Amino acid sequence: MPLLRQVPGFVAYYWVDAGEGVMLSTSVYEDQAGADESVRRAADFVRDNLVSLLPHPPQVTAGPVVAGG
């Protein structure tokens, strides 16, 4: 998503279709400031473009990466 790639510290973005109408996304940033900015930009985008398509408001969960491969 170009919107999030423009945020300083962007590392990666993943969108997952978990089935039965459930979708989730994961963004990875070099620091908390980048993660916070991506949440703000994504919230603005959803509010301005997608809110009528969503049955429930998005949930935001954040935390440090503790393992990778």
C-alpha atoms as a PDB file:
ATOM      1  CA  MET A   1       0.000   0.000   0.000  1.00  0.00           C
ATOM      2  CA  PRO A   2       1.708   3.205  -1.161  1.00  0.00           C
ATOM      3  CA  LEU A   3       0.194   5.184   1.712  1.00  0.00           C
ATOM      4  CA  LEU A   4       2.129   3.177   4.301  1.00  0.00           C
ATOM      5  CA  ARG A   5       5.335   2.788   2.281  1.00  0.00           C
ATOM      6  CA  GLN A   6       5.747   6.573   2.474  1.00  0.00           C
ATOM      7  CA  VAL A   7       5.958   6.509   6.285  1.00  0.00           C
ATOM      8  CA  PRO A   8       9.553   6.888   7.540  1.00  0.00           C
ATOM      9  CA  GLY A   9      10.919   3.600   8.864  1.00  0.00           C
ATOM     10  CA  PHE A  10       8.658   1.382   6.719  1.00  0.00           C
ATOM     11  CA  VAL A  11       9.946  -2.210   6.493  1.00  0.00           C
ATOM     12  CA  ALA A  12       7.073  -4.448   5.345  1.00  0.00           C
ATOM     13  CA  TYR A  13       3.291  -4.735   4.965  1.00  0.00           C
ATOM     14  CA  TYR A  14       1.165  -7.898   4.776  1.00  0.00           C
ATOM     15  CA  TRP A  15      -2.567  -8.317   4.134  1.00  0.00           C
ATOM     16  CA  VAL A  16      -4.126 -11.667   5.087  1.00  0.00           C
ATOM     17  CA  ASP A  17      -7.535 -13.049   4.143  1.00  0.00           C
ATOM     18  CA  ALA A  18      -8.357 -15.203   7.171  1.00  0.00           C
ATOM     19  CA  GLY A  19     -11.652 -16.366   5.653  1.00  0.00           C
ATOM     20  CA  GLU A  20     -15.288 -15.808   6.547  1.00  0.00           C
ATOM     21  CA  GLY A  21     -14.961 -12.063   6.004  1.00  0.00           C
ATOM     22  CA  VAL A  22     -12.040 -11.671   8.394  1.00  0.00           C
ATOM     23  CA  MET A  23      -9.034  -9.724   7.122  1.00  0.00           C
ATOM     24  CA  LEU A  24      -5.924  -8.653   8.945  1.00  0.00           C
ATOM     25  CA  SER A  25      -2.908  -6.585   8.115  1.00  0.00           C
ATOM     26  CA  THR A  26       0.532  -6.403   9.653  1.00  0.00           C
ATOM     27  CA  SER A  27       2.891  -3.492   9.199  1.00  0.00           C
ATOM     28  CA  VAL A  28       6.513  -3.532  10.296  1.00  0.00           C
ATOM     29  CA  TYR A  29       8.430  -0.318  11.037  1.00  0.00           C
ATOM     30  CA  GLU A  30      11.913   0.404  12.309  1.00  0.00           C
ATOM     31  CA  ASP A  31      10.568   2.306  15.308  1.00  0.00           C
ATOM     32  CA  GLN A  32       7.459   3.177  17.283  1.00  0.00           C
ATOM     33  CA  ALA A  33       7.157   6.605  15.658  1.00  0.00           C
ATOM     34  CA  GLY A  34       6.745   4.995  12.226  1.00  0.00           C
ATOM     35  CA  ALA A  35       4.216   2.510  13.556  1.00  0.00           C
ATOM     36  CA  ASP A  36       2.206   5.287  15.220  1.00  0.00           C
ATOM     37  CA  GLU A  37       2.205   7.356  12.030  1.00  0.00           C
ATOM     38  CA  SER A  38       1.056   4.372   9.961  1.00  0.00           C
ATOM     39  CA  VAL A  39      -1.867   3.788  12.333  1.00  0.00           C
ATOM     40  CA  ARG A  40      -2.883   7.440  12.003  1.00  0.00           C
ATOM     41  CA  ARG A  41      -2.699   7.358   8.201  1.00  0.00           C
ATOM     42  CA  ALA A  42      -4.520   4.037   7.956  1.00  0.00           C
ATOM     43  CA  ALA A  43      -7.278   5.255  10.292  1.00  0.00           C
ATOM     44  CA  ASP A  44      -7.761   8.371   8.163  1.00  0.00           C
ATOM     45  CA  PHE A  45      -7.907   6.259   4.980  1.00  0.00           C
ATOM     46  CA  VAL A  46     -10.447   3.826   6.452  1.00  0.00           C
ATOM     47  CA  ARG A  47     -12.595   6.669   7.787  1.00  0.00           C
ATOM     48  CA  ASP A  48     -12.532   8.506   4.459  1.00  0.00           C
ATOM     49  CA  ASN A  49     -12.873   5.521   2.097  1.00  0.00           C
ATOM     50  CA  LEU A  50     -13.932   2.242   3.697  1.00  0.00           C
ATOM     51  CA  VAL A  51     -16.049   2.809   6.784  1.00  0.00           C
ATOM     52  CA  SER A  52     -19.301   2.018   4.952  1.00  0.00           C
ATOM     53  CA  LEU A  53     -17.910  -1.393   3.926  1.00  0.00           C
ATOM     54  CA  LEU A  54     -16.881  -2.530   7.408  1.00  0.00           C
ATOM     55  CA  PRO A  55     -19.362  -4.215   9.751  1.00  0.00           C
ATOM     56  CA  HIS A  56     -17.129  -3.458  12.770  1.00  0.00           C
ATOM     57  CA  PRO A  57     -14.467  -0.824  13.431  1.00  0.00           C
ATOM     58  CA  PRO A  58     -10.878  -1.984  12.890  1.00  0.00           C
ATOM     59  CA  GLN A  59      -8.874  -3.074  15.920  1.00  0.00           C
ATOM     60  CA  VAL A  60      -5.272  -1.989  16.393  1.00  0.00           C
ATOM     61  CA  THR A  61      -2.789  -4.173  18.248  1.00  0.00           C
ATOM     62  CA  ALA A  62       0.858  -3.212  18.544  1.00  0.00           C
ATOM     63  CA  GLY A  63       4.009  -4.664  20.011  1.00  0.00           C
ATOM     64  CA  PRO A  64       7.650  -5.395  19.376  1.00  0.00           C
ATOM     65  CA  VAL A  65       8.784  -8.181  17.063  1.00  0.00           C
ATOM     66  CA  VAL A  66      10.271 -10.925  19.239  1.00  0.00           C
ATOM     67  CA  ALA A  67      11.093 -13.521  16.559  1.00  0.00           C
ATOM     68  CA  GLY A  68      11.539 -13.595  12.809  1.00  0.00           C
ATOM     69  CA  GLY A  69      12.719 -15.826  10.066  1.00  0.00           C
END
